[in-house]
Amino acid sequence: MAMIKALSMLARTKNRNGCLHDGNIPRLHDVRRVPPRYQQMLPLPVSKSYRCVVLGGASRTLTVGIVEREDEELLDFLHVLTGAAIFPVLVEPKRMNLLVARMERYQRFRKRHSRAYYVLSLPLYVRQILLLRERKEREA
């Protein structure tokens, strides 16, 4: 994480689309996962179709891992979508596929198990009502 913040601080100039870099896009070799708090910054369909993920952020700047080298349209789109300046870093295509697959798996897991935690946090009488309702639906 400290490496990503350090890369964000290397930004020299701000071009017309809010993208911070000096023309040479740095390459990030050892990224293993996307921190959970940044997984919600871009919708999963956007990450899958454009092959990009938010890897970090610092003071109104997002560090975004991308596969394409000079894709100004993508950077414009991400700037408009997030409202933050974009600092791109290159990620290998195989690594990007792995990151997106892990994000998808994590979000699927959260969606599947979120109801169970929600139900357990309800008062006992509400849980009993929900249990009775489910039994009636099964019997019908």
N, C-alpha and C. Protein backbone atom coordinates (compact mmCIF):
# COMPACT_ATOMS: atom_id res chain seq x y z
N MET A 1 0.82 -1.19 0.00
CA MET A 1 0.00 0.00 0.00
C MET A 1 0.86 1.24 0.00
N ALA A 2 1.96 1.22 0.74
CA ALA A 2 2.85 2.37 0.78
C ALA A 2 3.45 2.63 -0.58
N MET A 3 3.70 1.55 -1.33
CA MET A 3 4.26 1.70 -2.68
C MET A 3 3.27 2.41 -3.60
N ILE A 4 1.99 2.09 -3.46
CA ILE A 4 0.97 2.73 -4.30
C ILE A 4 0.87 4.20 -3.97
N LYS A 5 0.90 4.56 -2.68
CA LYS A 5 0.86 5.97 -2.30
C LYS A 5 2.09 6.70 -2.80
N ALA A 6 3.23 6.03 -2.76
CA ALA A 6 4.46 6.65 -3.27
C ALA A 6 4.36 6.90 -4.76
N LEU A 7 3.77 5.96 -5.49
CA LEU A 7 3.59 6.15 -6.93
C LEU A 7 2.66 7.32 -7.20
N SER A 8 1.62 7.46 -6.37
CA SER A 8 0.69 8.58 -6.55
C SER A 8 1.38 9.91 -6.32
N MET A 9 2.34 9.95 -5.44
CA MET A 9 3.05 11.19 -5.15
C MET A 9 4.07 11.54 -6.23
N LEU A 10 4.39 10.61 -7.12
CA LEU A 10 5.34 10.88 -8.18
C LEU A 10 4.76 11.74 -9.31
N ALA A 11 3.48 11.99 -9.24
CA ALA A 11 2.81 12.72 -10.31
C ALA A 11 3.43 14.09 -10.52
N ARG A 12 3.73 14.40 -11.78
CA ARG A 12 4.40 15.65 -12.09
C ARG A 12 3.42 16.71 -12.64
N THR A 13 2.63 16.35 -13.62
CA THR A 13 1.75 17.31 -14.27
C THR A 13 0.34 16.77 -14.35
N LYS A 14 -0.58 17.67 -14.55
CA LYS A 14 -1.97 17.29 -14.68
C LYS A 14 -2.42 17.66 -16.09
N ASN A 15 -2.77 16.64 -16.89
CA ASN A 15 -3.19 16.95 -18.25
C ASN A 15 -4.68 17.27 -18.28
N ARG A 16 -5.23 17.44 -19.46
CA ARG A 16 -6.58 17.95 -19.61
C ARG A 16 -7.66 17.05 -19.00
N ASN A 17 -7.43 15.76 -18.86
CA ASN A 17 -8.46 14.88 -18.33
C ASN A 17 -8.28 14.60 -16.84
N GLY A 18 -7.41 15.32 -16.19
CA GLY A 18 -7.21 15.11 -14.77
C GLY A 18 -6.28 13.95 -14.47
N CYS A 19 -5.63 13.42 -15.50
CA CYS A 19 -4.72 12.30 -15.30
C CYS A 19 -3.36 12.82 -14.88
N LEU A 20 -2.85 12.29 -13.81
CA LEU A 20 -1.57 12.75 -13.29
C LEU A 20 -0.45 11.80 -13.70
N HIS A 21 0.39 12.22 -14.59
CA HIS A 21 1.62 11.48 -14.92
C HIS A 21 2.46 12.33 -15.84
N ASP A 22 3.72 11.98 -15.98
CA ASP A 22 4.64 12.78 -16.77
C ASP A 22 4.90 12.19 -18.15
N GLY A 23 4.01 11.35 -18.64
CA GLY A 23 4.17 10.76 -19.97
C GLY A 23 4.62 9.32 -19.91
N ASN A 24 5.48 8.97 -18.97
CA ASN A 24 5.89 7.59 -18.80
C ASN A 24 5.05 6.97 -17.70
N ILE A 25 4.25 5.98 -18.07
CA ILE A 25 3.38 5.34 -17.09
C ILE A 25 4.18 4.28 -16.34
N PRO A 26 4.23 4.35 -15.02
CA PRO A 26 4.99 3.35 -14.26
C PRO A 26 4.32 1.98 -14.33
N ARG A 27 5.11 0.95 -14.15
CA ARG A 27 4.61 -0.42 -14.18
C ARG A 27 4.65 -0.97 -12.75
N LEU A 28 3.56 -1.61 -12.35
CA LEU A 28 3.45 -2.20 -11.03
C LEU A 28 3.46 -3.72 -11.19
N HIS A 29 4.50 -4.37 -10.67
CA HIS A 29 4.68 -5.80 -10.88
C HIS A 29 4.08 -6.67 -9.79
N ASP A 30 4.08 -6.21 -8.57
CA ASP A 30 3.77 -7.10 -7.46
C ASP A 30 2.40 -6.85 -6.81
N VAL A 31 1.44 -6.38 -7.56
CA VAL A 31 0.10 -6.19 -6.99
C VAL A 31 -0.59 -7.56 -6.90
N ARG A 32 -1.14 -7.87 -5.72
CA ARG A 32 -1.75 -9.18 -5.50
C ARG A 32 -3.25 -9.11 -5.33
N ARG A 33 -3.73 -8.01 -4.79
CA ARG A 33 -5.17 -7.89 -4.56
C ARG A 33 -5.57 -6.43 -4.56
N VAL A 34 -6.86 -6.22 -4.69
CA VAL A 34 -7.42 -4.87 -4.63
C VAL A 34 -7.99 -4.70 -3.22
N PRO A 35 -7.56 -3.67 -2.49
CA PRO A 35 -8.11 -3.47 -1.14
C PRO A 35 -9.63 -3.34 -1.18
N PRO A 36 -10.33 -3.95 -0.22
CA PRO A 36 -11.80 -3.94 -0.24
C PRO A 36 -12.41 -2.55 -0.32
N ARG A 37 -11.79 -1.56 0.31
CA ARG A 37 -12.42 -0.23 0.27
C ARG A 37 -12.34 0.41 -1.11
N TYR A 38 -11.44 -0.05 -1.97
CA TYR A 38 -11.34 0.48 -3.33
C TYR A 38 -12.10 -0.36 -4.34
N GLN A 39 -12.60 -1.53 -3.94
CA GLN A 39 -13.34 -2.37 -4.88
C GLN A 39 -14.67 -1.75 -5.28
N GLN A 40 -15.22 -0.91 -4.42
CA GLN A 40 -16.51 -0.29 -4.71
C GLN A 40 -16.39 1.00 -5.51
N MET A 41 -15.17 1.45 -5.78
CA MET A 41 -14.98 2.72 -6.49
C MET A 41 -15.42 2.62 -7.95
N LEU A 42 -15.18 1.47 -8.57
CA LEU A 42 -15.61 1.23 -9.94
C LEU A 42 -16.59 0.06 -9.95
N PRO A 43 -17.67 0.18 -10.70
CA PRO A 43 -18.57 -0.97 -10.80
C PRO A 43 -17.84 -2.16 -11.44
N LEU A 44 -18.20 -3.36 -11.02
CA LEU A 44 -17.54 -4.56 -11.53
C LEU A 44 -17.64 -4.69 -13.05
N PRO A 45 -18.79 -4.38 -13.68
CA PRO A 45 -18.83 -4.47 -15.16
C PRO A 45 -17.83 -3.52 -15.84
N VAL A 46 -17.57 -2.37 -15.25
CA VAL A 46 -16.59 -1.44 -15.81
C VAL A 46 -15.19 -2.04 -15.68
N SER A 47 -14.89 -2.60 -14.51
CA SER A 47 -13.58 -3.21 -14.31
C SER A 47 -13.35 -4.38 -15.26
N LYS A 48 -14.41 -5.16 -15.49
CA LYS A 48 -14.27 -6.31 -16.38
C LYS A 48 -14.13 -5.91 -17.84
N SER A 49 -14.92 -4.97 -18.29
CA SER A 49 -14.89 -4.63 -19.72
C SER A 49 -13.68 -3.78 -20.09
N TYR A 50 -13.28 -2.86 -19.23
CA TYR A 50 -12.14 -1.99 -19.54
C TYR A 50 -10.82 -2.51 -18.96
N ARG A 51 -10.91 -3.59 -18.17
CA ARG A 51 -9.73 -4.21 -17.56
C ARG A 51 -8.91 -3.17 -16.78
N CYS A 52 -9.56 -2.60 -15.77
CA CYS A 52 -8.91 -1.62 -14.91
C CYS A 52 -9.45 -1.77 -13.49
N VAL A 53 -8.62 -1.49 -12.51
CA VAL A 53 -9.03 -1.56 -11.11
C VAL A 53 -8.40 -0.41 -10.34
N VAL A 54 -9.10 0.05 -9.30
CA VAL A 54 -8.55 1.08 -8.43
C VAL A 54 -7.68 0.37 -7.39
N LEU A 55 -6.42 0.76 -7.33
CA LEU A 55 -5.46 0.12 -6.43
C LEU A 55 -5.16 0.94 -5.18
N GLY A 56 -5.44 2.22 -5.21
CA GLY A 56 -5.16 3.06 -4.07
C GLY A 56 -5.62 4.48 -4.32
N GLY A 57 -5.38 5.31 -3.35
CA GLY A 57 -5.77 6.70 -3.50
C GLY A 57 -5.07 7.59 -2.50
N ALA A 58 -4.96 8.85 -2.88
CA ALA A 58 -4.37 9.85 -1.99
C ALA A 58 -4.89 11.21 -2.42
N SER A 59 -5.46 11.94 -1.50
CA SER A 59 -5.95 13.31 -1.69
C SER A 59 -6.49 13.61 -3.09
N ARG A 60 -7.69 13.14 -3.33
CA ARG A 60 -8.43 13.39 -4.58
C ARG A 60 -7.76 12.81 -5.81
N THR A 61 -6.91 11.83 -5.64
CA THR A 61 -6.24 11.14 -6.74
C THR A 61 -6.39 9.64 -6.53
N LEU A 62 -6.81 8.95 -7.57
CA LEU A 62 -6.92 7.49 -7.51
C LEU A 62 -5.81 6.87 -8.34
N THR A 63 -5.17 5.86 -7.78
CA THR A 63 -4.19 5.08 -8.53
C THR A 63 -4.95 3.93 -9.18
N VAL A 64 -4.96 3.91 -10.51
CA VAL A 64 -5.74 2.93 -11.25
C VAL A 64 -4.80 2.04 -12.06
N GLY A 65 -4.93 0.74 -11.88
CA GLY A 65 -4.17 -0.21 -12.67
C GLY A 65 -4.87 -0.43 -14.00
N ILE A 66 -4.12 -0.28 -15.09
CA ILE A 66 -4.67 -0.46 -16.43
C ILE A 66 -3.76 -1.41 -17.21
N VAL A 67 -4.29 -1.93 -18.32
CA VAL A 67 -3.51 -2.84 -19.16
C VAL A 67 -2.99 -2.12 -20.39
N GLU A 68 -3.81 -1.26 -20.96
CA GLU A 68 -3.44 -0.53 -22.17
C GLU A 68 -2.45 0.58 -21.83
N ARG A 69 -1.58 0.88 -22.75
CA ARG A 69 -0.54 1.88 -22.47
C ARG A 69 -1.06 3.32 -22.54
N GLU A 70 -1.47 3.78 -23.66
CA GLU A 70 -1.89 5.18 -23.83
C GLU A 70 -3.36 5.22 -24.24
N ASP A 71 -4.26 4.95 -23.35
CA ASP A 71 -5.68 4.98 -23.65
C ASP A 71 -6.30 6.21 -22.98
N GLU A 72 -6.22 7.33 -23.67
CA GLU A 72 -6.72 8.59 -23.12
C GLU A 72 -8.23 8.57 -22.92
N GLU A 73 -8.96 7.84 -23.80
CA GLU A 73 -10.41 7.77 -23.65
C GLU A 73 -10.79 7.07 -22.35
N LEU A 74 -10.08 6.01 -22.02
CA LEU A 74 -10.34 5.30 -20.77
C LEU A 74 -10.05 6.21 -19.58
N LEU A 75 -8.96 6.94 -19.63
CA LEU A 75 -8.62 7.83 -18.52
C LEU A 75 -9.65 8.95 -18.38
N ASP A 76 -10.14 9.48 -19.51
CA ASP A 76 -11.21 10.48 -19.47
C ASP A 76 -12.46 9.90 -18.82
N PHE A 77 -12.82 8.71 -19.27
CA PHE A 77 -14.02 8.04 -18.75
C PHE A 77 -13.91 7.81 -17.24
N LEU A 78 -12.77 7.32 -16.78
CA LEU A 78 -12.58 7.07 -15.35
C LEU A 78 -12.60 8.36 -14.54
N HIS A 79 -12.04 9.43 -15.12
CA HIS A 79 -12.06 10.72 -14.44
C HIS A 79 -13.49 11.22 -14.26
N VAL A 80 -14.30 11.09 -15.29
CA VAL A 80 -15.69 11.53 -15.21
C VAL A 80 -16.48 10.63 -14.26
N LEU A 81 -16.24 9.33 -14.32
CA LEU A 81 -16.98 8.37 -13.51
C LEU A 81 -16.68 8.54 -12.01
N THR A 82 -15.43 8.75 -11.66
CA THR A 82 -15.05 8.83 -10.24
C THR A 82 -15.01 10.25 -9.71
N GLY A 83 -14.79 11.23 -10.58
CA GLY A 83 -14.67 12.61 -10.13
C GLY A 83 -13.33 12.91 -9.50
N ALA A 84 -12.39 12.01 -9.64
CA ALA A 84 -11.06 12.20 -9.05
C ALA A 84 -10.01 12.19 -10.15
N ALA A 85 -8.87 12.78 -9.86
CA ALA A 85 -7.75 12.70 -10.80
C ALA A 85 -7.27 11.26 -10.85
N ILE A 86 -6.84 10.83 -12.02
CA ILE A 86 -6.43 9.44 -12.22
C ILE A 86 -4.91 9.38 -12.41
N PHE A 87 -4.28 8.52 -11.62
CA PHE A 87 -2.86 8.24 -11.78
C PHE A 87 -2.74 6.80 -12.27
N PRO A 88 -2.46 6.59 -13.55
CA PRO A 88 -2.44 5.22 -14.09
C PRO A 88 -1.12 4.51 -13.80
N VAL A 89 -1.22 3.22 -13.56
CA VAL A 89 -0.05 2.35 -13.48
C VAL A 89 -0.35 1.13 -14.35
N LEU A 90 0.67 0.64 -15.03
CA LEU A 90 0.49 -0.53 -15.89
C LEU A 90 0.55 -1.81 -15.08
N VAL A 91 -0.34 -2.72 -15.39
CA VAL A 91 -0.39 -4.03 -14.75
C VAL A 91 -0.40 -5.06 -15.87
N GLU A 92 0.31 -6.16 -15.67
CA GLU A 92 0.35 -7.21 -16.68
C GLU A 92 -1.06 -7.76 -16.92
N PRO A 93 -1.37 -8.14 -18.18
CA PRO A 93 -2.72 -8.64 -18.48
C PRO A 93 -3.14 -9.85 -17.65
N LYS A 94 -2.24 -10.80 -17.44
CA LYS A 94 -2.59 -11.98 -16.64
C LYS A 94 -2.90 -11.58 -15.20
N ARG A 95 -2.12 -10.67 -14.67
CA ARG A 95 -2.33 -10.19 -13.30
C ARG A 95 -3.66 -9.45 -13.21
N MET A 96 -4.00 -8.67 -14.24
CA MET A 96 -5.27 -7.94 -14.23
C MET A 96 -6.45 -8.90 -14.25
N ASN A 97 -6.35 -9.96 -15.06
CA ASN A 97 -7.43 -10.95 -15.08
C ASN A 97 -7.61 -11.58 -13.71
N LEU A 98 -6.51 -11.86 -13.03
CA LEU A 98 -6.56 -12.43 -11.69
C LEU A 98 -7.20 -11.46 -10.70
N LEU A 99 -6.83 -10.19 -10.78
CA LEU A 99 -7.39 -9.18 -9.87
C LEU A 99 -8.90 -9.04 -10.05
N VAL A 100 -9.34 -8.98 -11.31
CA VAL A 100 -10.78 -8.83 -11.59
C VAL A 100 -11.53 -10.08 -11.13
N ALA A 101 -10.95 -11.26 -11.35
CA ALA A 101 -11.61 -12.50 -10.91
C ALA A 101 -11.72 -12.54 -9.39
N ARG A 102 -10.69 -12.08 -8.68
CA ARG A 102 -10.74 -12.05 -7.22
C ARG A 102 -11.79 -11.06 -6.73
N MET A 103 -11.88 -9.91 -7.39
CA MET A 103 -12.90 -8.93 -7.02
C MET A 103 -14.29 -9.51 -7.22
N GLU A 104 -14.49 -10.18 -8.34
CA GLU A 104 -15.79 -10.77 -8.64
C GLU A 104 -16.15 -11.83 -7.60
N ARG A 105 -15.20 -12.68 -7.24
CA ARG A 105 -15.43 -13.71 -6.25
C ARG A 105 -15.76 -13.09 -4.88
N TYR A 106 -15.02 -12.06 -4.52
CA TYR A 106 -15.25 -11.40 -3.24
C TYR A 106 -16.65 -10.78 -3.18
N GLN A 107 -17.07 -10.12 -4.26
CA GLN A 107 -18.38 -9.49 -4.27
C GLN A 107 -19.50 -10.53 -4.28
N ARG A 108 -19.29 -11.65 -4.97
CA ARG A 108 -20.28 -12.72 -4.96
C ARG A 108 -20.41 -13.31 -3.55
N PHE A 109 -19.28 -13.49 -2.87
CA PHE A 109 -19.29 -14.01 -1.51
C PHE A 109 -20.03 -13.06 -0.58
N ARG A 110 -19.75 -11.77 -0.70
CA ARG A 110 -20.43 -10.77 0.16
C ARG A 110 -21.92 -10.78 -0.07
N LYS A 111 -22.34 -10.88 -1.34
CA LYS A 111 -23.77 -10.86 -1.65
C LYS A 111 -24.45 -12.10 -1.08
N ARG A 112 -23.79 -13.25 -1.18
CA ARG A 112 -24.38 -14.50 -0.72
C ARG A 112 -24.51 -14.54 0.80
N HIS A 113 -23.54 -14.01 1.51
CA HIS A 113 -23.53 -14.13 2.96
C HIS A 113 -24.02 -12.89 3.70
N SER A 114 -24.36 -11.85 2.98
CA SER A 114 -24.78 -10.63 3.68
C SER A 114 -26.12 -10.80 4.37
N ARG A 115 -27.04 -11.58 3.79
CA ARG A 115 -28.36 -11.77 4.39
C ARG A 115 -28.24 -12.51 5.71
N ALA A 116 -27.38 -13.49 5.79
CA ALA A 116 -27.24 -14.27 7.02
C ALA A 116 -26.80 -13.37 8.19
N TYR A 117 -25.84 -12.52 7.96
CA TYR A 117 -25.38 -11.63 9.02
C TYR A 117 -26.46 -10.62 9.38
N TYR A 118 -27.20 -10.16 8.39
CA TYR A 118 -28.26 -9.20 8.64
C TYR A 118 -29.34 -9.83 9.52
N VAL A 119 -29.73 -11.06 9.20
CA VAL A 119 -30.78 -11.73 9.95
C VAL A 119 -30.34 -11.98 11.39
N LEU A 120 -29.09 -12.35 11.59
CA LEU A 120 -28.62 -12.61 12.95
C LEU A 120 -28.57 -11.34 13.80
N SER A 121 -28.47 -10.20 13.16
CA SER A 121 -28.42 -8.96 13.93
C SER A 121 -29.81 -8.45 14.29
N LEU A 122 -30.86 -9.07 13.74
CA LEU A 122 -32.23 -8.65 14.07
C LEU A 122 -32.63 -9.16 15.45
N PRO A 123 -33.62 -8.51 16.07
CA PRO A 123 -34.13 -9.01 17.35
C PRO A 123 -34.73 -10.41 17.18
N LEU A 124 -34.81 -11.15 18.27
CA LEU A 124 -35.25 -12.54 18.24
C LEU A 124 -36.65 -12.69 17.65
N TYR A 125 -37.59 -11.83 18.05
CA TYR A 125 -38.96 -11.99 17.56
C TYR A 125 -39.06 -11.75 16.06
N VAL A 126 -38.25 -10.87 15.52
CA VAL A 126 -38.26 -10.64 14.07
C VAL A 126 -37.71 -11.86 13.35
N ARG A 127 -36.64 -12.46 13.90
CA ARG A 127 -36.09 -13.68 13.29
C ARG A 127 -37.12 -14.80 13.30
N GLN A 128 -37.90 -14.92 14.38
CA GLN A 128 -38.92 -15.95 14.45
C GLN A 128 -40.02 -15.72 13.42
N ILE A 129 -40.40 -14.47 13.23
CA ILE A 129 -41.42 -14.16 12.21
C ILE A 129 -40.90 -14.53 10.82
N LEU A 130 -39.65 -14.18 10.53
CA LEU A 130 -39.08 -14.53 9.23
C LEU A 130 -38.98 -16.04 9.05
N LEU A 131 -38.64 -16.76 10.09
CA LEU A 131 -38.55 -18.22 10.03
C LEU A 131 -39.92 -18.82 9.76
N LEU A 132 -40.96 -18.34 10.44
CA LEU A 132 -42.32 -18.83 10.19
C LEU A 132 -42.77 -18.53 8.76
N ARG A 133 -42.44 -17.36 8.26
CA ARG A 133 -42.81 -17.00 6.89
C ARG A 133 -42.14 -17.94 5.88
N GLU A 134 -40.86 -18.24 6.11
CA GLU A 134 -40.16 -19.15 5.21
C GLU A 134 -40.76 -20.55 5.26
N ARG A 135 -41.15 -21.02 6.44
CA ARG A 135 -41.78 -22.34 6.56
C ARG A 135 -43.10 -22.39 5.81
N LYS A 136 -43.91 -21.32 5.92
CA LYS A 136 -45.18 -21.28 5.21
C LYS A 136 -44.97 -21.29 3.70
N GLU A 137 -43.95 -20.59 3.22
CA GLU A 137 -43.66 -20.57 1.79
C GLU A 137 -43.23 -21.94 1.29
N ARG A 138 -42.47 -22.68 2.12
CA ARG A 138 -42.04 -24.03 1.72
C ARG A 138 -43.22 -24.99 1.66
N GLU A 139 -44.15 -24.86 2.62
CA GLU A 139 -45.30 -25.75 2.66
C GLU A 139 -46.27 -25.48 1.51
N ALA A 140 -46.34 -24.26 1.07
CA ALA A 140 -47.31 -23.90 0.02
C ALA A 140 -46.85 -24.31 -1.36
